Amino acid sequence: MTYSYDPVHKTIKRSESGKGEEILADNIESLQFRYYTSPTDETGTDAPANPGAIERIRVTVTARTGVADPEFGGGDGFRRRQITSYIKVRNPLTP
């Protein structure tokens, strides 16, 4: 199973062998990952030198409404929500 982000169509998709792609979420403006390689690591990295050393991952998703709200006072009229979660790696890669 593979998950992917399509920035052109602003969707998160899942694909499984022989089953094709399935859209899991739309109106996703941003999907970001930050990798942490030690319990005391507070800054993380976008691309760890050793993927086997990853201990936790920060995932941040920014989504917006599908239709602009003309009565909403923010810039372009779209409402946005950002969610951040930390995931502890249970089965780290072995180098």
PDB file of N, CA and C in Angstrom:
ATOM      1  N   MET A   1       0.839  -1.158   0.000  1.00  0.00           N
ATOM      2  CA  MET A   1       0.000   0.000   0.000  1.00  0.00           C
ATOM      3  C   MET A   1       0.897   1.237   0.000  1.00  0.00           C
ATOM      4  N   THR A   2       0.538   2.209  -0.822  1.00  0.00           N
ATOM      5  CA  THR A   2       1.313   3.440  -0.948  1.00  0.00           C
ATOM      6  C   THR A   2       0.380   4.637  -0.797  1.00  0.00           C
ATOM      7  N   TYR A   3       0.845   5.627  -0.034  1.00  0.00           N
ATOM      8  CA  TYR A   3       0.109   6.872   0.130  1.00  0.00           C
ATOM      9  C   TYR A   3       0.873   7.969  -0.599  1.00  0.00           C
ATOM     10  N   SER A   4       0.142   8.901  -1.222  1.00  0.00           N
ATOM     11  CA  SER A   4       0.813   9.982  -1.944  1.00  0.00           C
ATOM     12  C   SER A   4      -0.007  11.269  -1.838  1.00  0.00           C
ATOM     13  N   TYR A   5       0.701  12.372  -2.013  1.00  0.00           N
ATOM     14  CA  TYR A   5       0.071  13.691  -2.026  1.00  0.00           C
ATOM     15  C   TYR A   5       0.194  14.255  -3.428  1.00  0.00           C
ATOM     16  N   ASP A   6      -0.912  14.702  -3.988  1.00  0.00           N
ATOM     17  CA  ASP A   6      -0.937  15.307  -5.315  1.00  0.00           C
ATOM     18  C   ASP A   6      -1.178  16.809  -5.138  1.00  0.00           C
ATOM     19  N   PRO A   7      -0.101  17.635  -5.226  1.00  0.00           N
ATOM     20  CA  PRO A   7      -0.264  19.074  -4.996  1.00  0.00           C
ATOM     21  C   PRO A   7      -1.053  19.790  -6.095  1.00  0.00           C
ATOM     22  N   VAL A   8      -1.108  19.213  -7.278  1.00  0.00           N
ATOM     23  CA  VAL A   8      -1.862  19.839  -8.367  1.00  0.00           C
ATOM     24  C   VAL A   8      -3.364  19.756  -8.086  1.00  0.00           C
ATOM     25  N   HIS A   9      -3.828  18.563  -7.697  1.00  0.00           N
ATOM     26  CA  HIS A   9      -5.251  18.358  -7.420  1.00  0.00           C
ATOM     27  C   HIS A   9      -5.585  18.490  -5.932  1.00  0.00           C
ATOM     28  N   LYS A  10      -4.542  18.725  -5.114  1.00  0.00           N
ATOM     29  CA  LYS A  10      -4.690  18.925  -3.668  1.00  0.00           C
ATOM     30  C   LYS A  10      -5.407  17.757  -2.996  1.00  0.00           C
ATOM     31  N   THR A  11      -4.928  16.540  -3.301  1.00  0.00           N
ATOM     32  CA  THR A  11      -5.527  15.340  -2.731  1.00  0.00           C
ATOM     33  C   THR A  11      -4.465  14.440  -2.100  1.00  0.00           C
ATOM     34  N   ILE A  12      -4.910  13.652  -1.129  1.00  0.00           N
ATOM     35  CA  ILE A  12      -4.097  12.569  -0.581  1.00  0.00           C
ATOM     36  C   ILE A  12      -4.727  11.286  -1.102  1.00  0.00           C
ATOM     37  N   LYS A  13      -3.892  10.422  -1.679  1.00  0.00           N
ATOM     38  CA  LYS A  13      -4.385   9.196  -2.305  1.00  0.00           C
ATOM     39  C   LYS A  13      -3.729   7.968  -1.693  1.00  0.00           C
ATOM     40  N   ARG A  14      -4.425   6.856  -1.830  1.00  0.00           N
ATOM     41  CA  ARG A  14      -3.880   5.567  -1.426  1.00  0.00           C
ATOM     42  C   ARG A  14      -3.976   4.644  -2.631  1.00  0.00           C
ATOM     43  N   SER A  15      -2.907   3.910  -2.889  1.00  0.00           N
ATOM     44  CA  SER A  15      -2.954   2.928  -3.969  1.00  0.00           C
ATOM     45  C   SER A  15      -2.497   1.582  -3.427  1.00  0.00           C
ATOM     46  N   GLU A  16      -3.181   0.561  -3.900  1.00  0.00           N
ATOM     47  CA  GLU A  16      -2.884  -0.798  -3.486  1.00  0.00           C
ATOM     48  C   GLU A  16      -2.733  -1.634  -4.746  1.00  0.00           C
ATOM     49  N   SER A  17      -1.800  -2.553  -4.732  1.00  0.00           N
ATOM     50  CA  SER A  17      -1.533  -3.380  -5.910  1.00  0.00           C
ATOM     51  C   SER A  17      -2.823  -3.980  -6.457  1.00  0.00           C
ATOM     52  N   GLY A  18      -3.069  -3.742  -7.739  1.00  0.00           N
ATOM     53  CA  GLY A  18      -4.214  -4.321  -8.417  1.00  0.00           C
ATOM     54  C   GLY A  18      -5.545  -3.636  -8.141  1.00  0.00           C
ATOM     55  N   LYS A  19      -5.579  -2.641  -7.281  1.00  0.00           N
ATOM     56  CA  LYS A  19      -6.844  -1.988  -6.942  1.00  0.00           C
ATOM     57  C   LYS A  19      -6.916  -0.542  -7.403  1.00  0.00           C
ATOM     58  N   GLY A  20      -5.824   0.010  -7.908  1.00  0.00           N
ATOM     59  CA  GLY A  20      -5.827   1.393  -8.367  1.00  0.00           C
ATOM     60  C   GLY A  20      -5.757   2.388  -7.229  1.00  0.00           C
ATOM     61  N   GLU A  21      -5.986   3.659  -7.566  1.00  0.00           N
ATOM     62  CA  GLU A  21      -5.890   4.736  -6.578  1.00  0.00           C
ATOM     63  C   GLU A  21      -7.255   5.067  -5.980  1.00  0.00           C
ATOM     64  N   GLU A  22      -7.217   5.481  -4.721  1.00  0.00           N
ATOM     65  CA  GLU A  22      -8.418   5.914  -4.024  1.00  0.00           C
ATOM     66  C   GLU A  22      -8.102   7.254  -3.353  1.00  0.00           C
ATOM     67  N   ILE A  23      -8.944   8.245  -3.563  1.00  0.00           N
ATOM     68  CA  ILE A  23      -8.748   9.543  -2.915  1.00  0.00           C
ATOM     69  C   ILE A  23      -9.229   9.437  -1.474  1.00  0.00           C
ATOM     70  N   LEU A  24      -8.327   9.738  -0.543  1.00  0.00           N
ATOM     71  CA  LEU A  24      -8.665   9.696   0.879  1.00  0.00           C
ATOM     72  C   LEU A  24      -9.113  11.055   1.396  1.00  0.00           C
ATOM     73  N   ALA A  25      -8.532  12.130   0.851  1.00  0.00           N
ATOM     74  CA  ALA A  25      -8.867  13.483   1.297  1.00  0.00           C
ATOM     75  C   ALA A  25      -8.628  14.458   0.157  1.00  0.00           C
ATOM     76  N   ASP A  26      -9.489  15.459   0.063  1.00  0.00           N
ATOM     77  CA  ASP A  26      -9.280  16.500  -0.945  1.00  0.00           C
ATOM     78  C   ASP A  26      -9.219  17.862  -0.263  1.00  0.00           C
ATOM     79  N   ASN A  27      -8.894  18.882  -1.044  1.00  0.00           N
ATOM     80  CA  ASN A  27      -8.702  20.248  -0.534  1.00  0.00           C
ATOM     81  C   ASN A  27      -7.567  20.317   0.485  1.00  0.00           C
ATOM     82  N   ILE A  28      -6.530  19.523   0.253  1.00  0.00           N
ATOM     83  CA  ILE A  28      -5.352  19.507   1.120  1.00  0.00           C
ATOM     84  C   ILE A  28      -4.323  20.457   0.519  1.00  0.00           C
ATOM     85  N   GLU A  29      -4.029  21.529   1.212  1.00  0.00           N
ATOM     86  CA  GLU A  29      -3.075  22.514   0.699  1.00  0.00           C
ATOM     87  C   GLU A  29      -1.634  22.120   0.964  1.00  0.00           C
ATOM     88  N   SER A  30      -1.403  21.379   2.047  1.00  0.00           N
ATOM     89  CA  SER A  30      -0.028  21.050   2.410  1.00  0.00           C
ATOM     90  C   SER A  30       0.003  19.764   3.223  1.00  0.00           C
ATOM     91  N   LEU A  31       1.012  18.942   2.958  1.00  0.00           N
ATOM     92  CA  LEU A  31       1.284  17.733   3.735  1.00  0.00           C
ATOM     93  C   LEU A  31       2.782  17.726   3.978  1.00  0.00           C
ATOM     94  N   GLN A  32       3.179  17.832   5.243  1.00  0.00           N
ATOM     95  CA  GLN A  32       4.601  17.939   5.578  1.00  0.00           C
ATOM     96  C   GLN A  32       4.998  16.868   6.585  1.00  0.00           C
ATOM     97  N   PHE A  33       6.231  16.373   6.415  1.00  0.00           N
ATOM     98  CA  PHE A  33       6.796  15.394   7.335  1.00  0.00           C
ATOM     99  C   PHE A  33       8.104  15.937   7.888  1.00  0.00           C
ATOM    100  N   ARG A  34       8.340  15.701   9.160  1.00  0.00           N
ATOM    101  CA  ARG A  34       9.598  16.075   9.817  1.00  0.00           C
ATOM    102  C   ARG A  34      10.038  14.854  10.613  1.00  0.00           C
ATOM    103  N   TYR A  35      11.296  14.466  10.446  1.00  0.00           N
ATOM    104  CA  TYR A  35      11.808  13.228  11.043  1.00  0.00           C
ATOM    105  C   TYR A  35      12.760  13.536  12.193  1.00  0.00           C
ATOM    106  N   TYR A  36      12.628  12.788  13.281  1.00  0.00           N
ATOM    107  CA  TYR A  36      13.449  12.970  14.484  1.00  0.00           C
ATOM    108  C   TYR A  36      14.200  11.672  14.759  1.00  0.00           C
ATOM    109  N   THR A  37      15.498  11.798  15.021  1.00  0.00           N
ATOM    110  CA  THR A  37      16.348  10.607  15.134  1.00  0.00           C
ATOM    111  C   THR A  37      16.831  10.301  16.543  1.00  0.00           C
ATOM    112  N   SER A  38      16.401  11.075  17.531  1.00  0.00           N
ATOM    113  CA  SER A  38      16.750  10.763  18.919  1.00  0.00           C
ATOM    114  C   SER A  38      15.701  11.372  19.836  1.00  0.00           C
ATOM    115  N   PRO A  39      15.567  10.848  21.055  1.00  0.00           N
ATOM    116  CA  PRO A  39      14.559  11.381  21.977  1.00  0.00           C
ATOM    117  C   PRO A  39      14.791  12.845  22.345  1.00  0.00           C
ATOM    118  N   THR A  40      16.028  13.299  22.271  1.00  0.00           N
ATOM    119  CA  THR A  40      16.337  14.688  22.630  1.00  0.00           C
ATOM    120  C   THR A  40      16.364  15.621  21.421  1.00  0.00           C
ATOM    121  N   ASP A  41      16.161  15.077  20.230  1.00  0.00           N
ATOM    122  CA  ASP A  41      16.164  15.876  19.000  1.00  0.00           C
ATOM    123  C   ASP A  41      14.911  16.744  18.968  1.00  0.00           C
ATOM    124  N   GLU A  42      15.075  18.054  19.026  1.00  0.00           N
ATOM    125  CA  GLU A  42      13.945  18.981  19.015  1.00  0.00           C
ATOM    126  C   GLU A  42      13.745  19.666  17.667  1.00  0.00           C
ATOM    127  N   THR A  43      14.736  19.595  16.770  1.00  0.00           N
ATOM    128  CA  THR A  43      14.627  20.301  15.495  1.00  0.00           C
ATOM    129  C   THR A  43      14.203  19.393  14.350  1.00  0.00           C
ATOM    130  N   GLY A  44      14.643  18.148  14.347  1.00  0.00           N
ATOM    131  CA  GLY A  44      14.288  17.233  13.274  1.00  0.00           C
ATOM    132  C   GLY A  44      14.908  17.621  11.948  1.00  0.00           C
ATOM    133  N   THR A  45      14.545  16.871  10.917  1.00  0.00           N
ATOM    134  CA  THR A  45      15.064  17.110   9.574  1.00  0.00           C
ATOM    135  C   THR A  45      14.023  16.681   8.546  1.00  0.00           C
ATOM    136  N   ASP A  46      14.100  17.259   7.359  1.00  0.00           N
ATOM    137  CA  ASP A  46      13.205  16.866   6.269  1.00  0.00           C
ATOM    138  C   ASP A  46      13.672  15.593   5.578  1.00  0.00           C
ATOM    139  N   ALA A  47      14.983  15.316   5.652  1.00  0.00           N
ATOM    140  CA  ALA A  47      15.558  14.153   4.975  1.00  0.00           C
ATOM    141  C   ALA A  47      16.693  13.592   5.827  1.00  0.00           C
ATOM    142  N   PRO A  48      16.395  12.624   6.699  1.00  0.00           N
ATOM    143  CA  PRO A  48      17.445  12.084   7.566  1.00  0.00           C
ATOM    144  C   PRO A  48      18.502  11.327   6.774  1.00  0.00           C
ATOM    145  N   ALA A  49      19.756  11.474   7.186  1.00  0.00           N
ATOM    146  CA  ALA A  49      20.857  10.774   6.515  1.00  0.00           C
ATOM    147  C   ALA A  49      20.723   9.267   6.686  1.00  0.00           C
ATOM    148  N   ASN A  50      20.210   8.840   7.833  1.00  0.00           N
ATOM    149  CA  ASN A  50      20.045   7.415   8.114  1.00  0.00           C
ATOM    150  C   ASN A  50      18.578   7.142   8.453  1.00  0.00           C
ATOM    151  N   PRO A  51      17.773   6.710   7.480  1.00  0.00           N
ATOM    152  CA  PRO A  51      16.356   6.455   7.751  1.00  0.00           C
ATOM    153  C   PRO A  51      16.129   5.430   8.865  1.00  0.00           C
ATOM    154  N   GLY A  52      17.087   4.550   9.078  1.00  0.00           N
ATOM    155  CA  GLY A  52      16.958   3.558  10.135  1.00  0.00           C
ATOM    156  C   GLY A  52      17.007   4.152  11.525  1.00  0.00           C
ATOM    157  N   ALA A  53      17.466   5.381  11.636  1.00  0.00           N
ATOM    158  CA  ALA A  53      17.581   6.037  12.941  1.00  0.00           C
ATOM    159  C   ALA A  53      16.331   6.831  13.325  1.00  0.00           C
ATOM    160  N   ILE A  54      15.334   6.872  12.457  1.00  0.00           N
ATOM    161  CA  ILE A  54      14.124   7.650  12.739  1.00  0.00           C
ATOM    162  C   ILE A  54      13.389   7.042  13.931  1.00  0.00           C
ATOM    163  N   GLU A  55      13.109   7.884  14.935  1.00  0.00           N
ATOM    164  CA  GLU A  55      12.383   7.437  16.122  1.00  0.00           C
ATOM    165  C   GLU A  55      10.950   7.954  16.163  1.00  0.00           C
ATOM    166  N   ARG A  56      10.742   9.139  15.601  1.00  0.00           N
ATOM    167  CA  ARG A  56       9.392   9.693  15.539  1.00  0.00           C
ATOM    168  C   ARG A  56       9.277  10.604  14.331  1.00  0.00           C
ATOM    169  N   ILE A  57       8.035  10.810  13.911  1.00  0.00           N
ATOM    170  CA  ILE A  57       7.747  11.606  12.723  1.00  0.00           C
ATOM    171  C   ILE A  57       6.649  12.608  13.075  1.00  0.00           C
ATOM    172  N   ARG A  58       6.862  13.858  12.691  1.00  0.00           N
ATOM    173  CA  ARG A  58       5.819  14.875  12.841  1.00  0.00           C
ATOM    174  C   ARG A  58       5.124  15.029  11.492  1.00  0.00           C
ATOM    175  N   VAL A  59       3.814  14.881  11.484  1.00  0.00           N
ATOM    176  CA  VAL A  59       3.020  15.034  10.267  1.00  0.00           C
ATOM    177  C   VAL A  59       2.123  16.255  10.449  1.00  0.00           C
ATOM    178  N   THR A  60       2.181  17.168   9.478  1.00  0.00           N
ATOM    179  CA  THR A  60       1.340  18.364   9.521  1.00  0.00           C
ATOM    180  C   THR A  60       0.518  18.428   8.238  1.00  0.00           C
ATOM    181  N   VAL A  61      -0.791  18.531   8.400  1.00  0.00           N
ATOM    182  CA  VAL A  61      -1.715  18.610   7.269  1.00  0.00           C
ATOM    183  C   VAL A  61      -2.461  19.938   7.357  1.00  0.00           C
ATOM    184  N   THR A  62      -2.493  20.653   6.234  1.00  0.00           N
ATOM    185  CA  THR A  62      -3.273  21.887   6.150  1.00  0.00           C
ATOM    186  C   THR A  62      -4.351  21.679   5.090  1.00  0.00           C
ATOM    187  N   ALA A  63      -5.611  21.830   5.505  1.00  0.00           N
ATOM    188  CA  ALA A  63      -6.741  21.645   4.590  1.00  0.00           C
ATOM    189  C   ALA A  63      -7.563  22.928   4.558  1.00  0.00           C
ATOM    190  N   ARG A  64      -8.338  23.068   3.496  1.00  0.00           N
ATOM    191  CA  ARG A  64      -9.216  24.232   3.395  1.00  0.00           C
ATOM    192  C   ARG A  64     -10.594  23.780   2.931  1.00  0.00           C
ATOM    193  N   THR A  65     -11.558  24.654   3.116  1.00  0.00           N
ATOM    194  CA  THR A  65     -12.903  24.341   2.651  1.00  0.00           C
ATOM    195  C   THR A  65     -12.911  24.267   1.129  1.00  0.00           C
ATOM    196  N   GLY A  66     -13.856  23.516   0.582  1.00  0.00           N
ATOM    197  CA  GLY A  66     -13.933  23.359  -0.862  1.00  0.00           C
ATOM    198  C   GLY A  66     -14.481  24.577  -1.581  1.00  0.00           C
ATOM    199  N   VAL A  67     -15.224  25.402  -0.854  1.00  0.00           N
ATOM    200  CA  VAL A  67     -15.860  26.578  -1.443  1.00  0.00           C
ATOM    201  C   VAL A  67     -15.542  27.793  -0.570  1.00  0.00           C
ATOM    202  N   ALA A  68     -15.232  28.892  -1.210  1.00  0.00           N
ATOM    203  CA  ALA A  68     -14.956  30.129  -0.471  1.00  0.00           C
ATOM    204  C   ALA A  68     -16.238  30.637   0.188  1.00  0.00           C
ATOM    205  N   ASP A  69     -16.094  31.192   1.373  1.00  0.00           N
ATOM    206  CA  ASP A  69     -17.206  31.785   2.111  1.00  0.00           C
ATOM    207  C   ASP A  69     -17.076  33.303   1.984  1.00  0.00           C
ATOM    208  N   PRO A  70     -17.943  33.945   1.209  1.00  0.00           N
ATOM    209  CA  PRO A  70     -17.804  35.390   0.984  1.00  0.00           C
ATOM    210  C   PRO A  70     -17.939  36.214   2.265  1.00  0.00           C
ATOM    211  N   GLU A  71     -18.509  35.626   3.309  1.00  0.00           N
ATOM    212  CA  GLU A  71     -18.674  36.355   4.564  1.00  0.00           C
ATOM    213  C   GLU A  71     -17.520  36.121   5.530  1.00  0.00           C
ATOM    214  N   PHE A  72     -16.595  35.255   5.148  1.00  0.00           N
ATOM    215  CA  PHE A  72     -15.432  34.995   5.996  1.00  0.00           C
ATOM    216  C   PHE A  72     -14.388  36.066   5.716  1.00  0.00           C
ATOM    217  N   GLY A  73     -13.907  36.712   6.739  1.00  0.00           N
ATOM    218  CA  GLY A  73     -13.026  37.862   6.572  1.00  0.00           C
ATOM    219  C   GLY A  73     -11.582  37.554   6.242  1.00  0.00           C
ATOM    220  N   GLY A  74     -11.195  36.293   6.148  1.00  0.00           N
ATOM    221  CA  GLY A  74      -9.784  35.985   5.906  1.00  0.00           C
ATOM    222  C   GLY A  74      -9.431  35.979   4.434  1.00  0.00           C
ATOM    223  N   GLY A  75      -8.547  36.866   4.016  1.00  0.00           N
ATOM    224  CA  GLY A  75      -7.946  36.916   2.682  1.00  0.00           C
ATOM    225  C   GLY A  75      -8.800  36.454   1.520  1.00  0.00           C
ATOM    226  N   ASP A  76      -8.693  35.178   1.159  1.00  0.00           N
ATOM    227  CA  ASP A  76      -9.344  34.662  -0.042  1.00  0.00           C
ATOM    228  C   ASP A  76     -10.722  34.057   0.226  1.00  0.00           C
ATOM    229  N   GLY A  77     -11.197  34.107   1.465  1.00  0.00           N
ATOM    230  CA  GLY A  77     -12.524  33.600   1.793  1.00  0.00           C
ATOM    231  C   GLY A  77     -12.571  32.127   2.163  1.00  0.00           C
ATOM    232  N   PHE A  78     -11.457  31.421   2.044  1.00  0.00           N
ATOM    233  CA  PHE A  78     -11.427  30.004   2.403  1.00  0.00           C
ATOM    234  C   PHE A  78     -11.073  29.846   3.878  1.00  0.00           C
ATOM    235  N   ARG A  79     -11.752  28.947   4.531  1.00  0.00           N
ATOM    236  CA  ARG A  79     -11.410  28.605   5.912  1.00  0.00           C
ATOM    237  C   ARG A  79     -10.396  27.472   5.870  1.00  0.00           C
ATOM    238  N   ARG A  80      -9.430  27.523   6.775  1.00  0.00           N
ATOM    239  CA  ARG A  80      -8.372  26.516   6.801  1.00  0.00           C
ATOM    240  C   ARG A  80      -8.256  25.904   8.184  1.00  0.00           C
ATOM    241  N   ARG A  81      -7.771  24.667   8.194  1.00  0.00           N
ATOM    242  CA  ARG A  81      -7.500  23.971   9.455  1.00  0.00           C
ATOM    243  C   ARG A  81      -6.163  23.266   9.301  1.00  0.00           C
ATOM    244  N   GLN A  82      -5.326  23.411  10.304  1.00  0.00           N
ATOM    245  CA  GLN A  82      -4.020  22.735  10.300  1.00  0.00           C
ATOM    246  C   GLN A  82      -3.962  21.794  11.500  1.00  0.00           C
ATOM    247  N   ILE A  83      -3.553  20.565  11.236  1.00  0.00           N
ATOM    248  CA  ILE A  83      -3.444  19.548  12.281  1.00  0.00           C
ATOM    249  C   ILE A  83      -2.027  18.995  12.259  1.00  0.00           C
ATOM    250  N   THR A  84      -1.422  18.896  13.436  1.00  0.00           N
ATOM    251  CA  THR A  84      -0.086  18.320  13.569  1.00  0.00           C
ATOM    252  C   THR A  84      -0.155  17.162  14.548  1.00  0.00           C
ATOM    253  N   SER A  85       0.499  16.062  14.178  1.00  0.00           N
ATOM    254  CA  SER A  85       0.541  14.888  15.050  1.00  0.00           C
ATOM    255  C   SER A  85       1.936  14.285  15.010  1.00  0.00           C
ATOM    256  N   TYR A  86       2.346  13.716  16.131  1.00  0.00           N
ATOM    257  CA  TYR A  86       3.632  13.022  16.213  1.00  0.00           C
ATOM    258  C   TYR A  86       3.370  11.523  16.235  1.00  0.00           C
ATOM    259  N   ILE A  87       4.154  10.804  15.459  1.00  0.00           N
ATOM    260  CA  ILE A  87       4.016   9.352  15.367  1.00  0.00           C
ATOM    261  C   ILE A  87       5.308   8.715  15.832  1.00  0.00           C
ATOM    262  N   LYS A  88       5.198   7.812  16.793  1.00  0.00           N
ATOM    263  CA  LYS A  88       6.369   7.070  17.266  1.00  0.00           C
ATOM    264  C   LYS A  88       6.564   5.877  16.336  1.00  0.00           C
ATOM    265  N   VAL A  89       7.772   5.715  15.830  1.00  0.00           N
ATOM    266  CA  VAL A  89       8.068   4.617  14.914  1.00  0.00           C
ATOM    267  C   VAL A  89       8.171   3.330  15.727  1.00  0.00           C
ATOM    268  N   ARG A  90       7.295   2.380  15.445  1.00  0.00           N
ATOM    269  CA  ARG A  90       7.271   1.127  16.203  1.00  0.00           C
ATOM    270  C   ARG A  90       8.264   0.103  15.675  1.00  0.00           C
ATOM    271  N   ASN A  91       8.436   0.070  14.379  1.00  0.00           N
ATOM    272  CA  ASN A  91       9.320  -0.918  13.757  1.00  0.00           C
ATOM    273  C   ASN A  91      10.366  -0.211  12.906  1.00  0.00           C
ATOM    274  N   PRO A  92      11.368   0.400  13.558  1.00  0.00           N
ATOM    275  CA  PRO A  92      12.367   1.145  12.779  1.00  0.00           C
ATOM    276  C   PRO A  92      13.165   0.227  11.858  1.00  0.00           C
ATOM    277  N   LEU A  93      13.661   0.812  10.786  1.00  0.00           N
ATOM    278  CA  LEU A  93      14.519   0.074   9.858  1.00  0.00           C
ATOM    279  C   LEU A  93      15.827  -0.263  10.549  1.00  0.00           C
ATOM    280  N   THR A  94      16.392  -1.376  10.189  1.00  0.00           N
ATOM    281  CA  THR A  94      17.714  -1.707  10.727  1.00  0.00           C
ATOM    282  C   THR A  94      18.745  -1.410   9.660  1.00  0.00           C
ATOM    283  N   PRO A  95      19.841  -0.730  10.048  1.00  0.00           N
ATOM    284  CA  PRO A  95      20.839  -0.343   9.042  1.00  0.00           C
ATOM    285  C   PRO A  95      21.534  -1.534   8.420  1.00  0.00           C
TER     286      PRO A  95
END
